[in-house]
Amino acid sequence: MKKTLPPLFPLDAWRMIAEIGWGVDVNLKAVQRSAFAMHGEFQMSRIEEFVRKRVNDLYKAVEKYEKEHESLHIGSDDGFSDVCHHVVGLGQTAFDAAYDNPRLLESRYNQGDYQESFAYCFQKPEPVKSDADKNRDFLLLIGQVHDLENLALVLHAKTAEVVRLARIVQNDRA
């Protein structure tokens, strides 16, 4: 059973979204680390829930627009999701404008004026590795490379033996 998180007040949610700084820094890992450091895992879950609801609101605004006017050219479901998340990540002003005028979403999508994807900000970032951890991982990889080299030598020797035996069998048949 999924736990229900207490909702954020919209003003608090929009303030926290602005603090994340989506659209300012394009380094997703840096944005994730900064957001989780600033808000913590629990608050990030609450913000994510708020974002999910606002993205859903944008989907409904587009559906309503298309029923009343014409179809929008917004590409794939994945691309449209990225645009909607991007707009929510930009903050309340961008969200309100797109909600009131879904053609802005179409325009943003068709111009490639969005980053993929604000939704990823809510995945808990991997911890930053220390130099000692990086060195240990590097040495482990070097060890695996040496193991593969040794395996390749053994396989080469076995292949040569199979070829030698195949030639003997072929000569015996002749």
Foldseek 3Di string as FASTA:
>chain_A
DDDDADADDVVVLLVLLVVLPQPNDQPLLVSLVSSCVVQNLNVLVNSLVVLVVLLVLLVVLQVVCCVVDNHAPQDDPQLLSQLSQQQVSVGDVSSVVCSVPVVVSSVCRVVVVGHPHNSSSNDRHDDDDDPVRVVVVVVVVVVVVVVVVVVVVVVVVVVVVVVVVVVVVVVVVD
